[in-house]
Amino acid sequence: MKRAMIYIAGFLGVALVGTFALAMTTRAGYESAEYKVIQSDNSFEVREYPDLMLVATDSKMDSQGRDGSFMRLFQYISGANEAEQKIAMTTPVFMEGEIGKSDVSMGFVMPKDVAAKGAPDPKGEGVKLRERKGGRFAVVRFPGKLDSKLAKEKETELREWMKSQGLEGEESAEAAGYDPPFTPAALRRNEILIRLKTSVEETEKGVSESSSETAQDS
């Protein structure tokens, strides 16, 4: 009996490691939206993003893409566009809007080379291309199944952290998911992002003062 339990524990351990490795490998296989980390504090960051081109459609966050939104975007990158061009999948999938109420715009990021040449117009109904303006964002990273309830909880945590850092953000927030649906919730990478109202100079000054205080304390 004891030996059987050891075998079972060993099997579960190998399975867990394998699942983790698969999730990390799958995520690493996609081009990801670039950003520069300006400030880091455990699971919180301030990032600077460039302008990004998205292909987007209306969605319900709590549907986890089962309302047809994910498939509409997937069909676009699979060739349902005016150029009948196949476009590589990227990360993250952005969800912008009233994330606490589940009504969002789901968007796939266009690969850099596609955006540079000009992404083809969509053929599918309810699908459109739009620009996500670059800028500075406060971000919190967390695992779990990303639904409107969890997103709102994390948005609240992020705004509390922002307040402690003297950062002012816009009223709206956006969510980002990096993993395919088969990824176990505990291994998923999710984020909430809030665009900062603070100017670049003010943000850099705040980070510099924070770094100076930390150095003096140490």
N, C-alpha and C. Protein backbone atom coordinates (compact mmCIF):
# COMPACT_ATOMS: atom_id res chain seq x y z
N MET A 1 0.83 -1.21 0.00
CA MET A 1 0.00 0.00 0.00
C MET A 1 0.87 1.26 0.00
N LYS A 2 1.90 1.22 0.86
CA LYS A 2 2.79 2.37 0.96
C LYS A 2 3.52 2.60 -0.36
N ARG A 3 3.96 1.47 -0.98
CA ARG A 3 4.66 1.59 -2.26
C ARG A 3 3.74 2.16 -3.34
N ALA A 4 2.47 1.73 -3.31
CA ALA A 4 1.50 2.22 -4.29
C ALA A 4 1.30 3.72 -4.14
N MET A 5 1.25 4.18 -2.89
CA MET A 5 1.08 5.62 -2.64
C MET A 5 2.28 6.41 -3.15
N ILE A 6 3.46 5.83 -3.01
CA ILE A 6 4.68 6.49 -3.50
C ILE A 6 4.63 6.61 -5.02
N TYR A 7 4.19 5.51 -5.68
CA TYR A 7 4.08 5.53 -7.14
C TYR A 7 3.08 6.59 -7.60
N ILE A 8 1.94 6.65 -6.90
CA ILE A 8 0.90 7.62 -7.26
C ILE A 8 1.41 9.05 -7.09
N ALA A 9 2.09 9.28 -5.95
CA ALA A 9 2.64 10.62 -5.69
C ALA A 9 3.67 10.99 -6.76
N GLY A 10 4.49 10.01 -7.13
CA GLY A 10 5.49 10.27 -8.16
C GLY A 10 4.86 10.57 -9.50
N PHE A 11 3.81 9.81 -9.84
CA PHE A 11 3.10 10.03 -11.10
C PHE A 11 2.48 11.42 -11.14
N LEU A 12 1.84 11.81 -10.03
CA LEU A 12 1.20 13.13 -9.98
C LEU A 12 2.24 14.23 -10.08
N GLY A 13 3.40 14.01 -9.46
CA GLY A 13 4.46 15.01 -9.53
C GLY A 13 4.96 15.19 -10.95
N VAL A 14 5.17 14.07 -11.65
CA VAL A 14 5.62 14.14 -13.04
C VAL A 14 4.57 14.81 -13.91
N ALA A 15 3.29 14.46 -13.67
CA ALA A 15 2.20 15.05 -14.45
C ALA A 15 2.14 16.56 -14.24
N LEU A 16 2.33 17.00 -12.99
CA LEU A 16 2.29 18.43 -12.69
C LEU A 16 3.43 19.16 -13.38
N VAL A 17 4.63 18.58 -13.29
CA VAL A 17 5.78 19.20 -13.95
C VAL A 17 5.56 19.26 -15.46
N GLY A 18 5.01 18.17 -16.01
CA GLY A 18 4.76 18.13 -17.45
C GLY A 18 3.74 19.17 -17.88
N THR A 19 2.68 19.33 -17.08
CA THR A 19 1.66 20.33 -17.39
C THR A 19 2.23 21.73 -17.32
N PHE A 20 3.05 21.98 -16.30
CA PHE A 20 3.69 23.30 -16.15
C PHE A 20 4.59 23.58 -17.34
N ALA A 21 5.39 22.58 -17.73
CA ALA A 21 6.31 22.75 -18.85
C ALA A 21 5.55 23.01 -20.15
N LEU A 22 4.43 22.30 -20.33
CA LEU A 22 3.62 22.48 -21.54
C LEU A 22 3.05 23.89 -21.60
N ALA A 23 2.55 24.37 -20.45
CA ALA A 23 1.98 25.72 -20.40
C ALA A 23 3.04 26.76 -20.72
N MET A 24 4.24 26.61 -20.13
CA MET A 24 5.30 27.58 -20.36
C MET A 24 5.78 27.54 -21.81
N THR A 25 5.89 26.31 -22.37
CA THR A 25 6.36 26.17 -23.74
C THR A 25 5.37 26.75 -24.73
N THR A 26 4.07 26.49 -24.50
CA THR A 26 3.04 27.01 -25.38
C THR A 26 3.05 28.53 -25.39
N ARG A 27 3.13 29.12 -24.19
CA ARG A 27 3.14 30.58 -24.08
C ARG A 27 4.38 31.17 -24.75
N ALA A 28 5.53 30.51 -24.54
CA ALA A 28 6.79 31.01 -25.08
C ALA A 28 6.84 30.92 -26.59
N GLY A 29 5.99 30.08 -27.18
CA GLY A 29 6.00 29.90 -28.63
C GLY A 29 5.34 31.03 -29.39
N TYR A 30 4.69 31.96 -28.70
CA TYR A 30 3.99 33.07 -29.35
C TYR A 30 4.79 34.37 -29.23
N GLU A 31 4.71 35.19 -30.26
CA GLU A 31 5.24 36.55 -30.15
C GLU A 31 4.36 37.30 -29.14
N SER A 32 5.00 38.07 -28.27
CA SER A 32 4.25 38.79 -27.24
C SER A 32 4.43 40.29 -27.41
N ALA A 33 3.39 41.03 -27.05
CA ALA A 33 3.45 42.49 -27.14
C ALA A 33 4.62 43.01 -26.31
N GLU A 34 5.43 43.86 -26.90
CA GLU A 34 6.60 44.38 -26.21
C GLU A 34 6.21 45.47 -25.21
N TYR A 35 7.00 45.57 -24.15
CA TYR A 35 6.84 46.65 -23.19
C TYR A 35 8.14 46.82 -22.42
N LYS A 36 8.28 47.98 -21.79
CA LYS A 36 9.45 48.27 -20.97
C LYS A 36 8.99 48.42 -19.52
N VAL A 37 9.64 47.70 -18.61
CA VAL A 37 9.29 47.80 -17.19
C VAL A 37 9.98 49.03 -16.60
N ILE A 38 9.17 49.94 -16.07
CA ILE A 38 9.67 51.18 -15.47
C ILE A 38 9.85 51.01 -13.96
N GLN A 39 8.94 50.27 -13.35
CA GLN A 39 8.97 50.06 -11.90
C GLN A 39 8.42 48.68 -11.61
N SER A 40 9.01 47.98 -10.64
CA SER A 40 8.56 46.63 -10.30
C SER A 40 8.46 46.49 -8.79
N ASP A 41 7.35 45.90 -8.32
CA ASP A 41 7.12 45.71 -6.89
C ASP A 41 6.31 44.43 -6.71
N ASN A 42 7.03 43.30 -6.61
CA ASN A 42 6.40 41.98 -6.52
C ASN A 42 5.50 41.75 -7.74
N SER A 43 4.19 41.60 -7.55
CA SER A 43 3.31 41.32 -8.68
C SER A 43 2.84 42.59 -9.39
N PHE A 44 3.28 43.75 -8.91
CA PHE A 44 2.88 45.03 -9.51
C PHE A 44 4.01 45.61 -10.35
N GLU A 45 3.64 46.26 -11.44
CA GLU A 45 4.63 46.92 -12.30
C GLU A 45 4.05 48.19 -12.89
N VAL A 46 4.95 49.09 -13.28
CA VAL A 46 4.61 50.19 -14.18
C VAL A 46 5.34 49.89 -15.48
N ARG A 47 4.59 49.86 -16.58
CA ARG A 47 5.16 49.52 -17.88
C ARG A 47 4.90 50.61 -18.90
N GLU A 48 5.78 50.66 -19.88
CA GLU A 48 5.56 51.54 -21.02
C GLU A 48 5.37 50.68 -22.26
N TYR A 49 4.23 50.86 -22.92
CA TYR A 49 3.90 50.12 -24.13
C TYR A 49 3.99 51.03 -25.36
N PRO A 50 4.40 50.48 -26.49
CA PRO A 50 4.32 51.23 -27.75
C PRO A 50 2.89 51.14 -28.30
N ASP A 51 2.61 51.84 -29.38
CA ASP A 51 1.33 51.67 -30.06
C ASP A 51 1.23 50.24 -30.57
N LEU A 52 0.05 49.65 -30.45
CA LEU A 52 -0.18 48.28 -30.92
C LEU A 52 -1.39 48.26 -31.85
N MET A 53 -1.35 47.41 -32.86
CA MET A 53 -2.49 47.21 -33.74
C MET A 53 -3.23 45.96 -33.28
N LEU A 54 -4.55 46.09 -33.07
CA LEU A 54 -5.36 44.96 -32.63
C LEU A 54 -6.44 44.65 -33.66
N VAL A 55 -6.83 43.38 -33.72
CA VAL A 55 -8.06 43.02 -34.40
C VAL A 55 -9.02 42.67 -33.27
N ALA A 56 -10.20 43.29 -33.25
CA ALA A 56 -11.05 43.23 -32.06
C ALA A 56 -12.50 42.93 -32.40
N THR A 57 -13.22 42.46 -31.36
CA THR A 57 -14.65 42.19 -31.48
C THR A 57 -15.28 42.27 -30.10
N ASP A 58 -16.58 42.53 -30.04
CA ASP A 58 -17.28 42.59 -28.76
C ASP A 58 -17.34 41.21 -28.12
N SER A 59 -17.26 41.18 -26.78
CA SER A 59 -17.24 39.90 -26.08
C SER A 59 -17.81 40.05 -24.68
N LYS A 60 -18.09 38.92 -24.06
CA LYS A 60 -18.46 38.84 -22.65
C LYS A 60 -17.33 38.11 -21.93
N MET A 61 -16.68 38.77 -20.98
CA MET A 61 -15.53 38.16 -20.32
C MET A 61 -15.89 36.82 -19.68
N ASP A 62 -17.06 36.75 -19.04
CA ASP A 62 -17.42 35.54 -18.32
C ASP A 62 -17.74 34.36 -19.23
N SER A 63 -17.88 34.62 -20.52
CA SER A 63 -18.14 33.52 -21.45
C SER A 63 -16.86 32.76 -21.78
N GLN A 64 -15.68 33.37 -21.40
CA GLN A 64 -14.38 32.75 -21.70
C GLN A 64 -14.24 32.47 -23.20
N GLY A 65 -14.80 33.36 -24.02
CA GLY A 65 -14.69 33.22 -25.47
C GLY A 65 -15.72 32.30 -26.09
N ARG A 66 -16.58 31.68 -25.26
CA ARG A 66 -17.56 30.73 -25.79
C ARG A 66 -18.76 31.43 -26.43
N ASP A 67 -18.79 32.75 -26.41
CA ASP A 67 -19.86 33.50 -27.07
C ASP A 67 -19.57 33.71 -28.55
N GLY A 68 -18.51 33.10 -29.04
CA GLY A 68 -18.15 33.22 -30.45
C GLY A 68 -17.10 34.28 -30.72
N SER A 69 -16.77 35.09 -29.72
CA SER A 69 -15.83 36.19 -29.93
C SER A 69 -14.43 35.69 -30.27
N PHE A 70 -13.95 34.71 -29.52
CA PHE A 70 -12.61 34.18 -29.78
C PHE A 70 -12.54 33.57 -31.18
N MET A 71 -13.58 32.83 -31.56
CA MET A 71 -13.58 32.18 -32.87
C MET A 71 -13.62 33.21 -34.00
N ARG A 72 -14.32 34.33 -33.81
CA ARG A 72 -14.35 35.37 -34.85
C ARG A 72 -12.94 35.91 -35.10
N LEU A 73 -12.20 36.13 -34.02
CA LEU A 73 -10.84 36.64 -34.16
C LEU A 73 -9.91 35.56 -34.71
N PHE A 74 -10.11 34.33 -34.26
CA PHE A 74 -9.28 33.23 -34.76
C PHE A 74 -9.49 33.02 -36.25
N GLN A 75 -10.73 33.17 -36.71
CA GLN A 75 -11.01 33.03 -38.14
C GLN A 75 -10.31 34.13 -38.94
N TYR A 76 -10.25 35.33 -38.35
CA TYR A 76 -9.55 36.43 -39.03
C TYR A 76 -8.08 36.07 -39.25
N ILE A 77 -7.39 35.61 -38.20
CA ILE A 77 -5.97 35.30 -38.36
C ILE A 77 -5.76 34.01 -39.15
N SER A 78 -6.83 33.23 -39.32
CA SER A 78 -6.73 31.99 -40.12
C SER A 78 -7.00 32.23 -41.60
N GLY A 79 -7.31 33.49 -41.97
CA GLY A 79 -7.49 33.80 -43.38
C GLY A 79 -8.78 34.49 -43.74
N ALA A 80 -9.67 34.73 -42.76
CA ALA A 80 -10.93 35.42 -43.04
C ALA A 80 -10.69 36.93 -43.06
N ASN A 81 -9.83 37.34 -43.99
CA ASN A 81 -9.51 38.75 -44.18
C ASN A 81 -9.36 39.02 -45.67
N GLU A 82 -9.33 40.28 -46.05
CA GLU A 82 -9.35 40.64 -47.47
C GLU A 82 -8.15 40.08 -48.25
N ALA A 83 -7.04 39.85 -47.57
CA ALA A 83 -5.86 39.30 -48.24
C ALA A 83 -5.80 37.78 -48.15
N GLU A 84 -6.78 37.19 -47.45
CA GLU A 84 -6.78 35.74 -47.18
C GLU A 84 -5.43 35.31 -46.62
N GLN A 85 -4.90 36.15 -45.75
CA GLN A 85 -3.57 35.97 -45.17
C GLN A 85 -3.67 35.25 -43.83
N LYS A 86 -2.82 34.26 -43.63
CA LYS A 86 -2.74 33.59 -42.33
C LYS A 86 -1.77 34.39 -41.46
N ILE A 87 -2.21 34.70 -40.26
CA ILE A 87 -1.46 35.56 -39.35
C ILE A 87 -1.18 34.79 -38.06
N ALA A 88 0.04 34.88 -37.57
CA ALA A 88 0.43 34.14 -36.37
C ALA A 88 -0.31 34.63 -35.14
N MET A 89 -0.64 33.68 -34.25
CA MET A 89 -1.23 34.02 -32.96
C MET A 89 -0.18 34.71 -32.10
N THR A 90 -0.63 35.64 -31.26
CA THR A 90 0.27 36.37 -30.37
C THR A 90 -0.31 36.38 -28.96
N THR A 91 0.45 36.91 -28.03
CA THR A 91 -0.06 37.15 -26.68
C THR A 91 0.24 38.60 -26.30
N PRO A 92 -0.54 39.16 -25.37
CA PRO A 92 -1.72 38.55 -24.75
C PRO A 92 -2.97 38.80 -25.57
N VAL A 93 -4.08 38.22 -25.12
CA VAL A 93 -5.40 38.61 -25.62
C VAL A 93 -5.89 39.71 -24.69
N PHE A 94 -6.10 40.91 -25.24
CA PHE A 94 -6.56 42.04 -24.43
C PHE A 94 -8.08 42.07 -24.35
N MET A 95 -8.59 42.46 -23.20
CA MET A 95 -10.02 42.66 -23.00
C MET A 95 -10.22 44.02 -22.36
N GLU A 96 -10.81 44.94 -23.12
CA GLU A 96 -10.96 46.31 -22.67
C GLU A 96 -12.44 46.66 -22.50
N GLY A 97 -12.74 47.44 -21.47
CA GLY A 97 -14.12 47.85 -21.24
C GLY A 97 -14.48 47.78 -19.77
N GLU A 98 -15.75 47.53 -19.48
CA GLU A 98 -16.21 47.43 -18.10
C GLU A 98 -15.97 46.01 -17.60
N ILE A 99 -14.73 45.74 -17.22
CA ILE A 99 -14.36 44.36 -16.89
C ILE A 99 -15.11 43.82 -15.69
N GLY A 100 -15.57 44.69 -14.80
CA GLY A 100 -16.34 44.22 -13.66
C GLY A 100 -17.75 43.83 -14.03
N LYS A 101 -18.20 44.21 -15.24
CA LYS A 101 -19.55 43.90 -15.69
C LYS A 101 -19.53 42.92 -16.86
N SER A 102 -18.35 42.45 -17.21
CA SER A 102 -18.16 41.41 -18.23
C SER A 102 -18.22 41.92 -19.66
N ASP A 103 -18.74 43.14 -19.92
CA ASP A 103 -18.82 43.65 -21.29
C ASP A 103 -17.47 44.21 -21.71
N VAL A 104 -16.84 43.56 -22.68
CA VAL A 104 -15.50 43.96 -23.08
C VAL A 104 -15.34 43.90 -24.60
N SER A 105 -14.25 44.47 -25.05
CA SER A 105 -13.81 44.30 -26.43
C SER A 105 -12.60 43.39 -26.39
N MET A 106 -12.70 42.22 -27.01
CA MET A 106 -11.58 41.27 -27.04
C MET A 106 -10.70 41.58 -28.24
N GLY A 107 -9.39 41.62 -28.02
CA GLY A 107 -8.49 41.96 -29.12
C GLY A 107 -7.26 41.09 -29.18
N PHE A 108 -6.90 40.65 -30.40
CA PHE A 108 -5.64 39.97 -30.65
C PHE A 108 -4.64 41.02 -31.13
N VAL A 109 -3.41 40.94 -30.64
CA VAL A 109 -2.35 41.85 -31.08
C VAL A 109 -1.79 41.37 -32.42
N MET A 110 -1.68 42.28 -33.37
CA MET A 110 -1.07 41.94 -34.64
C MET A 110 0.45 41.81 -34.49
N PRO A 111 1.05 40.77 -35.09
CA PRO A 111 2.52 40.65 -35.06
C PRO A 111 3.17 41.92 -35.61
N LYS A 112 4.37 42.21 -35.15
CA LYS A 112 5.04 43.45 -35.53
C LYS A 112 5.19 43.59 -37.04
N ASP A 113 5.55 42.49 -37.72
CA ASP A 113 5.76 42.60 -39.17
C ASP A 113 4.45 42.84 -39.91
N VAL A 114 3.36 42.25 -39.42
CA VAL A 114 2.05 42.46 -40.05
C VAL A 114 1.59 43.90 -39.83
N ALA A 115 1.75 44.40 -38.61
CA ALA A 115 1.34 45.77 -38.31
C ALA A 115 2.14 46.77 -39.13
N ALA A 116 3.44 46.49 -39.31
CA ALA A 116 4.30 47.41 -40.05
C ALA A 116 3.90 47.50 -41.52
N LYS A 117 3.49 46.37 -42.10
CA LYS A 117 3.10 46.34 -43.51
C LYS A 117 1.66 46.78 -43.73
N GLY A 118 0.86 46.72 -42.65
CA GLY A 118 -0.55 47.05 -42.75
C GLY A 118 -1.39 45.80 -42.69
N ALA A 119 -2.11 45.61 -41.60
CA ALA A 119 -2.94 44.41 -41.43
C ALA A 119 -4.11 44.45 -42.41
N PRO A 120 -4.47 43.31 -43.01
CA PRO A 120 -5.58 43.27 -43.96
C PRO A 120 -6.92 43.50 -43.27
N ASP A 121 -7.86 44.10 -43.98
CA ASP A 121 -9.19 44.35 -43.42
C ASP A 121 -9.92 43.03 -43.18
N PRO A 122 -10.71 42.97 -42.10
CA PRO A 122 -11.47 41.74 -41.80
C PRO A 122 -12.61 41.53 -42.79
N LYS A 123 -12.96 40.27 -42.98
CA LYS A 123 -14.15 39.91 -43.75
C LYS A 123 -15.33 39.63 -42.82
N GLY A 124 -15.02 39.12 -41.64
CA GLY A 124 -16.07 38.71 -40.72
C GLY A 124 -16.86 39.87 -40.14
N GLU A 125 -18.15 39.63 -39.90
CA GLU A 125 -19.02 40.64 -39.31
C GLU A 125 -18.66 40.84 -37.84
N GLY A 126 -18.64 42.10 -37.40
CA GLY A 126 -18.36 42.39 -36.00
C GLY A 126 -16.89 42.37 -35.65
N VAL A 127 -16.03 42.28 -36.65
CA VAL A 127 -14.58 42.27 -36.43
C VAL A 127 -13.99 43.52 -37.06
N LYS A 128 -13.10 44.19 -36.33
CA LYS A 128 -12.51 45.42 -36.85
C LYS A 128 -11.07 45.56 -36.38
N LEU A 129 -10.31 46.33 -37.14
CA LEU A 129 -8.95 46.67 -36.76
C LEU A 129 -8.97 47.99 -36.00
N ARG A 130 -8.16 48.10 -34.97
CA ARG A 130 -8.05 49.36 -34.26
C ARG A 130 -6.69 49.48 -33.60
N GLU A 131 -6.31 50.71 -33.33
CA GLU A 131 -5.01 50.95 -32.69
C GLU A 131 -5.18 51.06 -31.18
N ARG A 132 -4.31 50.41 -30.46
CA ARG A 132 -4.23 50.58 -29.00
C ARG A 132 -3.08 51.54 -28.75
N LYS A 133 -3.41 52.75 -28.33
CA LYS A 133 -2.39 53.77 -28.13
C LYS A 133 -1.40 53.35 -27.05
N GLY A 134 -0.14 53.63 -27.30
CA GLY A 134 0.89 53.33 -26.32
C GLY A 134 0.81 54.27 -25.13
N GLY A 135 1.60 54.00 -24.12
CA GLY A 135 1.61 54.83 -22.93
C GLY A 135 2.09 54.05 -21.73
N ARG A 136 1.94 54.65 -20.57
CA ARG A 136 2.36 54.00 -19.33
C ARG A 136 1.15 53.42 -18.60
N PHE A 137 1.35 52.22 -18.09
CA PHE A 137 0.27 51.49 -17.44
C PHE A 137 0.76 50.93 -16.11
N ALA A 138 -0.13 50.96 -15.12
CA ALA A 138 0.10 50.20 -13.89
C ALA A 138 -0.48 48.81 -14.14
N VAL A 139 0.22 47.78 -13.69
CA VAL A 139 -0.16 46.40 -14.02
C VAL A 139 -0.04 45.51 -12.78
N VAL A 140 -0.99 44.59 -12.63
CA VAL A 140 -0.86 43.55 -11.61
C VAL A 140 -0.99 42.20 -12.32
N ARG A 141 -0.14 41.27 -11.95
CA ARG A 141 -0.11 39.94 -12.57
C ARG A 141 -0.59 38.90 -11.56
N PHE A 142 -1.38 37.92 -12.04
CA PHE A 142 -1.95 36.92 -11.13
C PHE A 142 -2.40 35.69 -11.91
N PRO A 143 -2.52 34.53 -11.24
CA PRO A 143 -3.03 33.32 -11.87
C PRO A 143 -4.54 33.22 -11.68
N GLY A 144 -5.14 32.13 -12.19
CA GLY A 144 -6.55 31.88 -11.96
C GLY A 144 -7.37 31.93 -13.24
N LYS A 145 -8.65 31.61 -13.10
CA LYS A 145 -9.59 31.69 -14.21
C LYS A 145 -10.08 33.13 -14.31
N LEU A 146 -9.77 33.78 -15.39
CA LEU A 146 -10.05 35.21 -15.53
C LEU A 146 -11.52 35.45 -15.87
N ASP A 147 -12.29 35.86 -14.86
CA ASP A 147 -13.68 36.25 -15.09
C ASP A 147 -13.87 37.65 -14.51
N SER A 148 -15.08 38.20 -14.66
CA SER A 148 -15.31 39.58 -14.25
C SER A 148 -15.13 39.78 -12.75
N LYS A 149 -15.49 38.78 -11.94
CA LYS A 149 -15.36 38.89 -10.49
C LYS A 149 -13.90 38.99 -10.07
N LEU A 150 -13.07 38.06 -10.57
CA LEU A 150 -11.65 38.08 -10.24
C LEU A 150 -10.99 39.34 -10.80
N ALA A 151 -11.38 39.72 -12.00
CA ALA A 151 -10.80 40.92 -12.62
C ALA A 151 -11.08 42.16 -11.78
N LYS A 152 -12.30 42.28 -11.27
CA LYS A 152 -12.66 43.44 -10.46
C LYS A 152 -11.89 43.44 -9.14
N GLU A 153 -11.72 42.27 -8.54
CA GLU A 153 -10.95 42.17 -7.29
C GLU A 153 -9.51 42.63 -7.51
N LYS A 154 -8.92 42.20 -8.62
CA LYS A 154 -7.53 42.56 -8.91
C LYS A 154 -7.40 44.02 -9.31
N GLU A 155 -8.43 44.55 -9.96
CA GLU A 155 -8.42 45.98 -10.29
C GLU A 155 -8.41 46.81 -9.01
N THR A 156 -9.20 46.39 -8.02
CA THR A 156 -9.23 47.09 -6.73
C THR A 156 -7.87 47.05 -6.06
N GLU A 157 -7.23 45.87 -6.07
CA GLU A 157 -5.89 45.73 -5.48
C GLU A 157 -4.89 46.64 -6.20
N LEU A 158 -5.00 46.68 -7.52
CA LEU A 158 -4.07 47.50 -8.30
C LEU A 158 -4.26 48.98 -7.99
N ARG A 159 -5.51 49.42 -7.88
CA ARG A 159 -5.75 50.84 -7.59
C ARG A 159 -5.26 51.20 -6.18
N GLU A 160 -5.35 50.28 -5.24
CA GLU A 160 -4.82 50.53 -3.90
C GLU A 160 -3.30 50.67 -3.94
N TRP A 161 -2.65 49.81 -4.73
CA TRP A 161 -1.19 49.91 -4.88
C TRP A 161 -0.82 51.23 -5.55
N MET A 162 -1.56 51.60 -6.59
CA MET A 162 -1.29 52.86 -7.28
C MET A 162 -1.39 54.04 -6.32
N LYS A 163 -2.40 54.01 -5.47
CA LYS A 163 -2.58 55.09 -4.49
C LYS A 163 -1.37 55.17 -3.57
N SER A 164 -0.85 54.01 -3.16
CA SER A 164 0.31 54.00 -2.27
C SER A 164 1.57 54.53 -2.96
N GLN A 165 1.57 54.48 -4.30
CA GLN A 165 2.72 54.95 -5.07
C GLN A 165 2.54 56.37 -5.60
N GLY A 166 1.39 56.97 -5.30
CA GLY A 166 1.12 58.32 -5.79
C GLY A 166 0.84 58.37 -7.28
N LEU A 167 0.30 57.28 -7.83
CA LEU A 167 0.01 57.21 -9.26
C LEU A 167 -1.49 57.38 -9.50
N GLU A 168 -1.83 58.17 -10.50
CA GLU A 168 -3.24 58.39 -10.85
C GLU A 168 -3.53 57.75 -12.20
N GLY A 169 -4.60 56.96 -12.24
CA GLY A 169 -4.94 56.27 -13.48
C GLY A 169 -6.30 56.66 -14.00
N GLU A 170 -6.59 56.22 -15.21
CA GLU A 170 -7.89 56.45 -15.81
C GLU A 170 -8.95 55.59 -15.12
N GLU A 171 -10.22 55.92 -15.33
CA GLU A 171 -11.30 55.19 -14.67
C GLU A 171 -11.46 53.78 -15.21
N SER A 172 -11.19 53.60 -16.48
CA SER A 172 -11.35 52.28 -17.09
C SER A 172 -10.11 51.43 -16.87
N ALA A 173 -10.28 50.13 -17.01
CA ALA A 173 -9.17 49.18 -16.88
C ALA A 173 -9.30 48.16 -18.00
N GLU A 174 -8.25 47.41 -18.21
CA GLU A 174 -8.29 46.33 -19.19
C GLU A 174 -7.63 45.09 -18.62
N ALA A 175 -8.02 43.95 -19.15
CA ALA A 175 -7.47 42.67 -18.71
C ALA A 175 -6.66 42.07 -19.85
N ALA A 176 -5.74 41.18 -19.50
CA ALA A 176 -4.93 40.51 -20.50
C ALA A 176 -4.71 39.06 -20.08
N GLY A 177 -4.88 38.15 -21.02
CA GLY A 177 -4.65 36.73 -20.76
C GLY A 177 -3.61 36.19 -21.71
N TYR A 178 -2.71 35.36 -21.21
CA TYR A 178 -1.57 34.89 -22.00
C TYR A 178 -1.64 33.42 -22.39
N ASP A 179 -2.61 32.68 -21.88
CA ASP A 179 -2.58 31.23 -22.05
C ASP A 179 -3.80 30.68 -22.77
N PRO A 180 -3.63 29.54 -23.46
CA PRO A 180 -4.77 28.88 -24.10
C PRO A 180 -5.72 28.29 -23.07
N PRO A 181 -6.96 28.00 -23.46
CA PRO A 181 -7.99 27.55 -22.51
C PRO A 181 -7.65 26.27 -21.75
N PHE A 182 -6.82 25.39 -22.34
CA PHE A 182 -6.53 24.12 -21.66
C PHE A 182 -5.54 24.28 -20.51
N THR A 183 -4.95 25.46 -20.35
CA THR A 183 -3.98 25.67 -19.28
C THR A 183 -4.67 25.67 -17.92
N PRO A 184 -4.20 24.87 -16.96
CA PRO A 184 -4.80 24.87 -15.62
C PRO A 184 -4.81 26.28 -15.03
N ALA A 185 -5.88 26.62 -14.32
CA ALA A 185 -6.05 27.97 -13.79
C ALA A 185 -4.86 28.44 -12.96
N ALA A 186 -4.29 27.53 -12.17
CA ALA A 186 -3.19 27.89 -11.27
C ALA A 186 -1.92 28.27 -12.04
N LEU A 187 -1.83 27.86 -13.31
CA LEU A 187 -0.63 28.12 -14.10
C LEU A 187 -0.82 29.26 -15.10
N ARG A 188 -2.00 29.84 -15.12
CA ARG A 188 -2.27 30.89 -16.10
C ARG A 188 -1.64 32.22 -15.71
N ARG A 189 -1.27 32.97 -16.72
CA ARG A 189 -0.77 34.34 -16.50
C ARG A 189 -1.86 35.31 -16.95
N ASN A 190 -2.40 36.03 -15.99
CA ASN A 190 -3.40 37.05 -16.25
C ASN A 190 -2.90 38.39 -15.74
N GLU A 191 -3.42 39.46 -16.29
CA GLU A 191 -3.03 40.80 -15.84
C GLU A 191 -4.20 41.77 -15.93
N ILE A 192 -4.19 42.75 -15.04
CA ILE A 192 -5.07 43.91 -15.14
C ILE A 192 -4.17 45.11 -15.37
N LEU A 193 -4.56 45.95 -16.33
CA LEU A 193 -3.76 47.13 -16.68
C LEU A 193 -4.63 48.38 -16.57
N ILE A 194 -4.06 49.43 -16.02
CA ILE A 194 -4.74 50.73 -15.93
C ILE A 194 -3.80 51.79 -16.50
N ARG A 195 -4.30 52.51 -17.49
CA ARG A 195 -3.49 53.56 -18.11
C ARG A 195 -3.28 54.70 -17.12
N LEU A 196 -2.04 55.17 -17.01
CA LEU A 196 -1.71 56.23 -16.07
C LEU A 196 -1.97 57.61 -16.67
N LYS A 197 -2.48 58.50 -15.83
CA LYS A 197 -2.62 59.90 -16.22
C LYS A 197 -1.31 60.64 -15.99
N THR A 198 -0.48 60.12 -15.09
CA THR A 198 0.77 60.76 -14.73
C THR A 198 1.67 60.89 -15.94
N SER A 199 2.31 62.03 -16.08
CA SER A 199 3.21 62.25 -17.21
C SER A 199 4.46 61.41 -17.06
N VAL A 200 5.19 61.24 -18.15
CA VAL A 200 6.43 60.48 -18.13
C VAL A 200 7.41 61.06 -17.12
N GLU A 201 7.54 62.40 -17.11
CA GLU A 201 8.49 63.05 -16.21
C GLU A 201 8.13 62.80 -14.75
N GLU A 202 6.82 62.89 -14.43
CA GLU A 202 6.39 62.69 -13.05
C GLU A 202 6.60 61.25 -12.61
N THR A 203 6.33 60.30 -13.52
CA THR A 203 6.52 58.89 -13.20
C THR A 203 7.98 58.60 -12.92
N GLU A 204 8.87 59.11 -13.80
CA GLU A 204 10.30 58.87 -13.64
C GLU A 204 10.81 59.51 -12.35
N LYS A 205 10.26 60.70 -12.02
CA LYS A 205 10.66 61.37 -10.79
C LYS A 205 10.26 60.54 -9.58
N GLY A 206 9.02 59.99 -9.62
CA GLY A 206 8.53 59.18 -8.52
C GLY A 206 9.35 57.93 -8.33
N VAL A 207 9.70 57.27 -9.45
CA VAL A 207 10.51 56.05 -9.39
C VAL A 207 11.90 56.37 -8.85
N SER A 208 12.47 57.51 -9.30
CA SER A 208 13.80 57.91 -8.86
C SER A 208 13.81 58.19 -7.36
N GLU A 209 12.79 58.91 -6.87
CA GLU A 209 12.71 59.22 -5.44
C GLU A 209 12.53 57.95 -4.62
N SER A 210 11.70 57.02 -5.15
CA SER A 210 11.47 55.75 -4.45
C SER A 210 12.76 54.95 -4.36
N SER A 211 13.53 54.92 -5.46
CA SER A 211 14.79 54.19 -5.48
C SER A 211 15.78 54.81 -4.52
N SER A 212 15.79 56.17 -4.47
CA SER A 212 16.70 56.88 -3.59
C SER A 212 16.39 56.59 -2.13
N GLU A 213 15.08 56.58 -1.79
CA GLU A 213 14.67 56.30 -0.41
C GLU A 213 15.05 54.88 -0.02
N THR A 214 14.87 53.93 -0.97
CA THR A 214 15.21 52.54 -0.70
C THR A 214 16.70 52.39 -0.44
N ALA A 215 17.51 53.10 -1.24
CA ALA A 215 18.97 53.02 -1.09
C ALA A 215 19.40 53.59 0.26
N GLN A 216 18.74 54.71 0.68
CA GLN A 216 19.09 55.32 1.95
C GLN A 216 18.71 54.42 3.12
N ASP A 217 17.53 53.75 2.99
CA ASP A 217 17.07 52.86 4.05
C ASP A 217 18.00 51.68 4.24
N SER A 218 18.57 51.20 3.10
CA SER A 218 19.44 50.04 3.18
C SER A 218 20.83 50.43 3.65
